[in-house]
């Protein structure tokens, strides 16, 4: 009888471990929103979850932004496929955090869970 109970307990434990192994992986990282305004002012919203440290790292990895390094950090040249060049257009991509003009560059801004970041041509 003890052998039968022991065998049943072992089977229950094995089945429990197998079931845990089939669980859906949970998303890691912070979720945040990015709003991009085009040249006509139309806004497009993107939702991301990333384990990257900064907004810049996450958005480069997602392919939403492109830029080049300057002595001040990453200068965003293109957002959502739209390039702006101050020397040609007199416009640049302004970066906002929760509706306020950012005091840090996109590559120096740590991702905050639930935050809304925005890019607007100005």
N, C-alpha and C. Protein backbone atom coordinates (compact mmCIF):
# COMPACT_ATOMS: atom_id res chain seq x y z
N UNK A 1 0.84 -1.20 0.00
CA UNK A 1 0.00 0.00 0.00
C UNK A 1 0.88 1.26 0.00
N UNK A 2 1.95 1.25 0.80
CA UNK A 2 2.85 2.40 0.85
C UNK A 2 3.51 2.63 -0.50
N UNK A 3 3.83 1.55 -1.21
CA UNK A 3 4.44 1.68 -2.54
C UNK A 3 3.47 2.33 -3.51
N UNK A 4 2.20 1.95 -3.43
CA UNK A 4 1.19 2.51 -4.31
C UNK A 4 1.00 4.01 -4.06
N UNK A 5 0.95 4.38 -2.79
CA UNK A 5 0.81 5.80 -2.43
C UNK A 5 2.04 6.58 -2.88
N UNK A 6 3.22 6.03 -2.66
CA UNK A 6 4.47 6.68 -3.08
C UNK A 6 4.49 6.85 -4.59
N UNK A 7 4.08 5.81 -5.32
CA UNK A 7 4.05 5.88 -6.78
C UNK A 7 3.07 6.95 -7.24
N UNK A 8 1.90 7.02 -6.63
CA UNK A 8 0.91 8.05 -6.98
C UNK A 8 1.44 9.46 -6.71
N UNK A 9 2.12 9.65 -5.58
CA UNK A 9 2.69 10.96 -5.26
C UNK A 9 3.75 11.36 -6.28
N UNK A 10 4.59 10.41 -6.66
CA UNK A 10 5.63 10.70 -7.67
C UNK A 10 4.97 11.08 -8.99
N UNK A 11 3.93 10.37 -9.40
CA UNK A 11 3.24 10.67 -10.66
C UNK A 11 2.60 12.05 -10.61
N UNK A 12 1.99 12.39 -9.49
CA UNK A 12 1.37 13.71 -9.34
C UNK A 12 2.44 14.80 -9.45
N UNK A 13 3.59 14.60 -8.81
CA UNK A 13 4.67 15.59 -8.87
C UNK A 13 5.20 15.74 -10.30
N UNK A 14 5.39 14.62 -11.00
CA UNK A 14 5.88 14.67 -12.37
C UNK A 14 4.88 15.38 -13.27
N UNK A 15 3.61 15.05 -13.14
CA UNK A 15 2.59 15.72 -13.95
C UNK A 15 2.53 17.22 -13.64
N UNK A 16 2.71 17.58 -12.39
CA UNK A 16 2.73 18.99 -12.01
C UNK A 16 3.90 19.72 -12.65
N UNK A 17 5.06 19.10 -12.67
CA UNK A 17 6.23 19.72 -13.29
C UNK A 17 6.05 19.85 -14.80
N UNK A 18 5.49 18.83 -15.43
CA UNK A 18 5.25 18.89 -16.87
C UNK A 18 4.27 20.00 -17.19
N UNK A 19 3.22 20.13 -16.41
CA UNK A 19 2.22 21.18 -16.64
C UNK A 19 2.83 22.56 -16.49
N UNK A 20 3.71 22.74 -15.51
CA UNK A 20 4.38 24.03 -15.32
C UNK A 20 5.27 24.36 -16.50
N UNK A 21 5.90 23.36 -17.08
CA UNK A 21 6.77 23.58 -18.22
C UNK A 21 6.04 24.04 -19.45
N UNK A 22 4.74 23.78 -19.53
CA UNK A 22 3.95 24.18 -20.69
C UNK A 22 3.25 25.52 -20.49
N UNK A 23 3.50 26.18 -19.38
CA UNK A 23 2.86 27.48 -19.12
C UNK A 23 3.38 28.52 -20.11
N UNK A 24 2.52 29.45 -20.47
CA UNK A 24 2.91 30.53 -21.36
C UNK A 24 3.96 31.40 -20.67
N UNK A 25 5.02 31.78 -21.38
CA UNK A 25 6.01 32.65 -20.76
C UNK A 25 5.40 34.02 -20.49
N UNK A 26 5.73 34.59 -19.36
CA UNK A 26 5.21 35.90 -19.01
C UNK A 26 6.11 36.98 -19.60
N UNK A 27 5.50 38.07 -20.04
CA UNK A 27 6.26 39.18 -20.59
C UNK A 27 7.07 39.84 -19.47
N UNK A 28 8.28 40.21 -19.80
CA UNK A 28 9.12 40.92 -18.85
C UNK A 28 9.35 42.32 -19.38
N UNK A 29 9.73 43.20 -18.51
CA UNK A 29 10.01 44.56 -18.94
C UNK A 29 8.86 45.50 -18.65
N UNK A 30 9.06 46.73 -19.05
CA UNK A 30 8.09 47.79 -18.79
C UNK A 30 7.26 48.04 -20.04
N UNK A 31 5.98 48.31 -19.83
CA UNK A 31 5.07 48.67 -20.92
C UNK A 31 4.92 50.18 -20.96
N UNK A 32 4.94 50.72 -22.18
CA UNK A 32 4.82 52.16 -22.33
C UNK A 32 4.20 52.47 -23.68
N UNK A 33 3.79 53.72 -23.85
CA UNK A 33 3.13 54.18 -25.07
C UNK A 33 4.01 55.22 -25.75
N UNK A 34 4.01 55.18 -27.08
CA UNK A 34 4.70 56.21 -27.87
C UNK A 34 3.70 56.79 -28.85
N UNK A 35 3.59 58.11 -28.86
CA UNK A 35 2.70 58.81 -29.78
C UNK A 35 3.59 59.59 -30.75
N UNK A 36 3.35 59.38 -32.04
CA UNK A 36 4.14 60.05 -33.07
C UNK A 36 3.21 60.93 -33.89
N UNK A 37 3.52 62.22 -33.95
CA UNK A 37 2.76 63.15 -34.79
C UNK A 37 3.48 63.27 -36.13
N UNK A 38 2.72 63.23 -37.22
CA UNK A 38 3.35 63.42 -38.53
C UNK A 38 3.39 64.92 -38.85
N UNK A 39 3.83 65.26 -40.04
CA UNK A 39 4.00 66.66 -40.42
C UNK A 39 2.69 67.43 -40.49
N UNK A 40 1.57 66.70 -40.66
CA UNK A 40 0.25 67.35 -40.69
C UNK A 40 -0.41 67.36 -39.32
N UNK A 41 0.25 66.78 -38.31
CA UNK A 41 -0.29 66.77 -36.96
C UNK A 41 -1.08 65.52 -36.62
N UNK A 42 -1.26 64.60 -37.57
CA UNK A 42 -1.98 63.35 -37.30
C UNK A 42 -1.11 62.48 -36.40
N UNK A 43 -1.74 61.94 -35.34
CA UNK A 43 -0.99 61.15 -34.37
C UNK A 43 -1.23 59.65 -34.56
N UNK A 44 -0.14 58.89 -34.40
CA UNK A 44 -0.19 57.43 -34.43
C UNK A 44 0.35 56.95 -33.08
N UNK A 45 -0.36 56.01 -32.46
CA UNK A 45 0.01 55.51 -31.14
C UNK A 45 0.57 54.10 -31.25
N UNK A 46 1.67 53.87 -30.55
CA UNK A 46 2.32 52.57 -30.50
C UNK A 46 2.40 52.12 -29.04
N UNK A 47 2.18 50.85 -28.80
CA UNK A 47 2.31 50.27 -27.45
C UNK A 47 3.48 49.30 -27.47
N UNK A 48 4.37 49.43 -26.49
CA UNK A 48 5.55 48.57 -26.42
C UNK A 48 5.72 48.02 -25.02
N UNK A 49 6.35 46.87 -24.94
CA UNK A 49 6.87 46.31 -23.71
C UNK A 49 8.31 45.97 -24.00
N UNK A 50 9.22 46.47 -23.17
CA UNK A 50 10.64 46.27 -23.45
C UNK A 50 11.41 46.03 -22.16
N UNK A 51 12.47 45.25 -22.28
CA UNK A 51 13.37 45.06 -21.16
C UNK A 51 14.63 45.91 -21.33
N UNK A 52 14.63 46.79 -22.32
CA UNK A 52 15.75 47.71 -22.52
C UNK A 52 15.74 48.76 -21.41
N UNK A 53 16.89 49.37 -21.16
CA UNK A 53 17.01 50.34 -20.07
C UNK A 53 16.43 51.70 -20.44
N UNK A 54 16.64 52.13 -21.69
CA UNK A 54 16.21 53.48 -22.07
C UNK A 54 15.20 53.45 -23.21
N UNK A 55 14.47 54.54 -23.34
CA UNK A 55 13.50 54.68 -24.41
C UNK A 55 14.20 54.59 -25.76
N UNK A 56 15.35 55.23 -25.87
CA UNK A 56 16.10 55.21 -27.12
C UNK A 56 16.48 53.79 -27.53
N UNK A 57 17.03 53.03 -26.61
CA UNK A 57 17.41 51.64 -26.91
C UNK A 57 16.20 50.84 -27.39
N UNK A 58 15.09 50.98 -26.69
CA UNK A 58 13.88 50.22 -27.02
C UNK A 58 13.35 50.60 -28.39
N UNK A 59 13.30 51.88 -28.69
CA UNK A 59 12.70 52.32 -29.96
C UNK A 59 13.61 52.06 -31.15
N UNK A 60 14.92 52.07 -30.94
CA UNK A 60 15.84 51.67 -32.00
C UNK A 60 15.67 50.19 -32.28
N UNK A 61 15.59 49.38 -31.21
CA UNK A 61 15.39 47.94 -31.37
C UNK A 61 14.08 47.62 -32.09
N UNK A 62 13.06 48.42 -31.86
CA UNK A 62 11.76 48.22 -32.50
C UNK A 62 11.73 48.79 -33.92
N UNK A 63 12.74 49.56 -34.29
CA UNK A 63 12.78 50.15 -35.61
C UNK A 63 11.93 51.40 -35.76
N UNK A 64 11.47 51.98 -34.65
CA UNK A 64 10.63 53.17 -34.74
C UNK A 64 11.46 54.43 -34.98
N UNK A 65 12.67 54.49 -34.41
CA UNK A 65 13.51 55.68 -34.60
C UNK A 65 14.87 55.29 -35.16
N UNK A 66 15.49 56.27 -35.81
CA UNK A 66 16.87 56.17 -36.26
C UNK A 66 17.53 57.49 -35.91
N UNK A 67 18.82 57.44 -35.68
CA UNK A 67 19.53 58.66 -35.36
C UNK A 67 21.03 58.48 -35.44
N UNK A 68 21.73 59.51 -35.04
CA UNK A 68 23.19 59.44 -35.00
C UNK A 68 23.69 60.03 -33.69
N UNK A 69 24.85 59.56 -33.29
CA UNK A 69 25.44 60.02 -32.03
C UNK A 69 26.06 61.40 -32.21
N UNK A 70 25.85 62.24 -31.21
CA UNK A 70 26.50 63.55 -31.16
C UNK A 70 27.18 63.67 -29.81
N UNK A 71 27.86 64.76 -29.58
CA UNK A 71 28.49 64.96 -28.28
C UNK A 71 27.47 65.09 -27.16
N UNK A 72 26.21 65.32 -27.51
CA UNK A 72 25.14 65.46 -26.52
C UNK A 72 24.29 64.19 -26.38
N UNK A 73 24.58 63.18 -27.17
CA UNK A 73 23.80 61.95 -27.15
C UNK A 73 23.19 61.68 -28.51
N UNK A 74 22.18 60.84 -28.53
CA UNK A 74 21.54 60.45 -29.79
C UNK A 74 20.68 61.58 -30.33
N UNK A 75 20.94 61.97 -31.58
CA UNK A 75 20.10 62.93 -32.29
C UNK A 75 19.16 62.12 -33.17
N UNK A 76 17.86 62.25 -32.96
CA UNK A 76 16.87 61.47 -33.70
C UNK A 76 16.66 62.12 -35.07
N UNK A 77 17.03 61.36 -36.11
CA UNK A 77 16.89 61.84 -37.49
C UNK A 77 15.55 61.45 -38.10
N UNK A 78 15.04 60.27 -37.72
CA UNK A 78 13.87 59.71 -38.36
C UNK A 78 12.97 59.04 -37.33
N UNK A 79 11.67 59.26 -37.45
CA UNK A 79 10.68 58.62 -36.58
C UNK A 79 9.60 58.03 -37.47
N UNK A 80 9.34 56.74 -37.29
CA UNK A 80 8.31 56.05 -38.07
C UNK A 80 8.51 56.24 -39.57
N UNK A 81 9.77 56.26 -39.99
CA UNK A 81 10.09 56.37 -41.41
C UNK A 81 10.11 57.78 -41.97
N UNK A 82 9.84 58.79 -41.13
CA UNK A 82 9.85 60.18 -41.59
C UNK A 82 11.11 60.86 -41.09
N UNK A 83 11.96 61.28 -42.03
CA UNK A 83 13.22 61.93 -41.69
C UNK A 83 13.03 63.45 -41.67
N UNK A 84 13.65 64.07 -40.69
CA UNK A 84 13.68 65.53 -40.62
C UNK A 84 15.14 65.98 -40.52
N UNK A 85 15.45 67.05 -41.21
CA UNK A 85 16.81 67.58 -41.21
C UNK A 85 16.72 69.09 -40.96
N UNK A 86 17.21 69.51 -39.81
CA UNK A 86 17.13 70.93 -39.43
C UNK A 86 17.72 71.83 -40.50
N UNK A 87 18.85 71.41 -41.07
CA UNK A 87 19.52 72.24 -42.09
C UNK A 87 18.69 72.37 -43.36
N UNK A 88 17.91 71.37 -43.71
CA UNK A 88 17.09 71.41 -44.93
C UNK A 88 15.66 71.87 -44.65
N UNK A 89 15.06 71.32 -43.59
CA UNK A 89 13.64 71.53 -43.31
C UNK A 89 13.35 72.61 -42.28
N UNK A 90 14.36 72.92 -41.46
CA UNK A 90 14.12 73.81 -40.34
C UNK A 90 13.26 73.15 -39.27
N UNK A 91 13.22 71.82 -39.28
CA UNK A 91 12.44 71.06 -38.30
C UNK A 91 13.30 69.97 -37.68
N UNK A 92 12.91 69.56 -36.49
CA UNK A 92 13.58 68.46 -35.79
C UNK A 92 12.51 67.67 -35.05
N UNK A 93 12.88 66.49 -34.55
CA UNK A 93 11.96 65.65 -33.78
C UNK A 93 12.06 66.03 -32.31
N UNK A 94 11.05 66.71 -31.80
CA UNK A 94 10.98 67.06 -30.38
C UNK A 94 10.49 65.84 -29.61
N UNK A 95 11.05 65.63 -28.42
CA UNK A 95 10.75 64.47 -27.59
C UNK A 95 10.02 64.92 -26.34
N UNK A 96 8.88 64.27 -26.04
CA UNK A 96 8.05 64.62 -24.89
C UNK A 96 7.89 63.41 -23.97
N UNK A 97 7.78 63.70 -22.69
CA UNK A 97 7.52 62.66 -21.68
C UNK A 97 6.26 63.06 -20.93
N UNK A 98 5.23 62.22 -21.04
CA UNK A 98 3.94 62.48 -20.39
C UNK A 98 3.44 63.89 -20.65
N UNK A 99 3.55 64.34 -21.91
CA UNK A 99 3.02 65.63 -22.33
C UNK A 99 3.92 66.82 -22.09
N UNK A 100 5.05 66.61 -21.43
CA UNK A 100 5.99 67.70 -21.16
C UNK A 100 7.23 67.56 -22.04
N UNK A 101 7.72 68.71 -22.54
CA UNK A 101 8.95 68.68 -23.33
C UNK A 101 10.06 68.05 -22.49
N UNK A 102 10.73 67.05 -23.04
CA UNK A 102 11.72 66.29 -22.28
C UNK A 102 12.97 67.12 -21.97
N UNK A 103 13.46 66.97 -20.77
CA UNK A 103 14.70 67.63 -20.36
C UNK A 103 15.90 66.68 -20.51
N UNK A 104 15.62 65.46 -20.97
CA UNK A 104 16.68 64.48 -21.23
C UNK A 104 16.49 63.97 -22.65
N UNK A 105 17.58 63.51 -23.24
CA UNK A 105 17.51 62.93 -24.56
C UNK A 105 16.86 61.56 -24.51
N UNK A 106 16.41 61.09 -25.66
CA UNK A 106 15.74 59.80 -25.73
C UNK A 106 16.65 58.67 -25.27
N UNK A 107 17.96 58.81 -25.51
CA UNK A 107 18.90 57.76 -25.13
C UNK A 107 19.31 57.84 -23.66
N UNK A 108 18.93 58.91 -22.98
CA UNK A 108 19.24 59.06 -21.55
C UNK A 108 17.98 58.95 -20.69
N UNK A 109 16.85 58.70 -21.32
CA UNK A 109 15.58 58.61 -20.60
C UNK A 109 15.28 57.15 -20.28
N UNK A 110 15.29 56.82 -19.00
CA UNK A 110 14.96 55.47 -18.58
C UNK A 110 13.47 55.23 -18.78
N UNK A 111 13.14 54.00 -19.18
CA UNK A 111 11.75 53.65 -19.40
C UNK A 111 11.01 53.60 -18.07
N UNK A 112 9.86 54.24 -18.01
CA UNK A 112 8.99 54.21 -16.85
C UNK A 112 7.72 53.47 -17.22
N UNK A 113 7.36 52.47 -16.42
CA UNK A 113 6.14 51.70 -16.64
C UNK A 113 4.94 52.63 -16.76
N UNK A 114 4.18 52.48 -17.84
CA UNK A 114 2.95 53.24 -18.03
C UNK A 114 3.13 54.65 -18.58
N UNK A 115 4.36 55.06 -18.81
CA UNK A 115 4.61 56.42 -19.31
C UNK A 115 4.19 56.53 -20.77
N UNK A 116 3.94 57.78 -21.18
CA UNK A 116 3.67 58.07 -22.58
C UNK A 116 4.77 58.99 -23.09
N UNK A 117 5.44 58.55 -24.13
CA UNK A 117 6.49 59.34 -24.77
C UNK A 117 5.96 59.77 -26.13
N UNK A 118 6.40 60.92 -26.60
CA UNK A 118 5.90 61.42 -27.88
C UNK A 118 7.02 62.07 -28.68
N UNK A 119 6.85 62.01 -29.99
CA UNK A 119 7.74 62.70 -30.93
C UNK A 119 6.86 63.58 -31.80
N UNK A 120 7.27 64.86 -31.91
CA UNK A 120 6.53 65.81 -32.73
C UNK A 120 7.51 66.59 -33.56
N UNK A 121 7.17 66.82 -34.84
CA UNK A 121 8.05 67.67 -35.67
C UNK A 121 7.88 69.13 -35.25
N UNK A 122 8.98 69.77 -34.95
CA UNK A 122 8.90 71.19 -34.56
C UNK A 122 10.00 71.96 -35.26
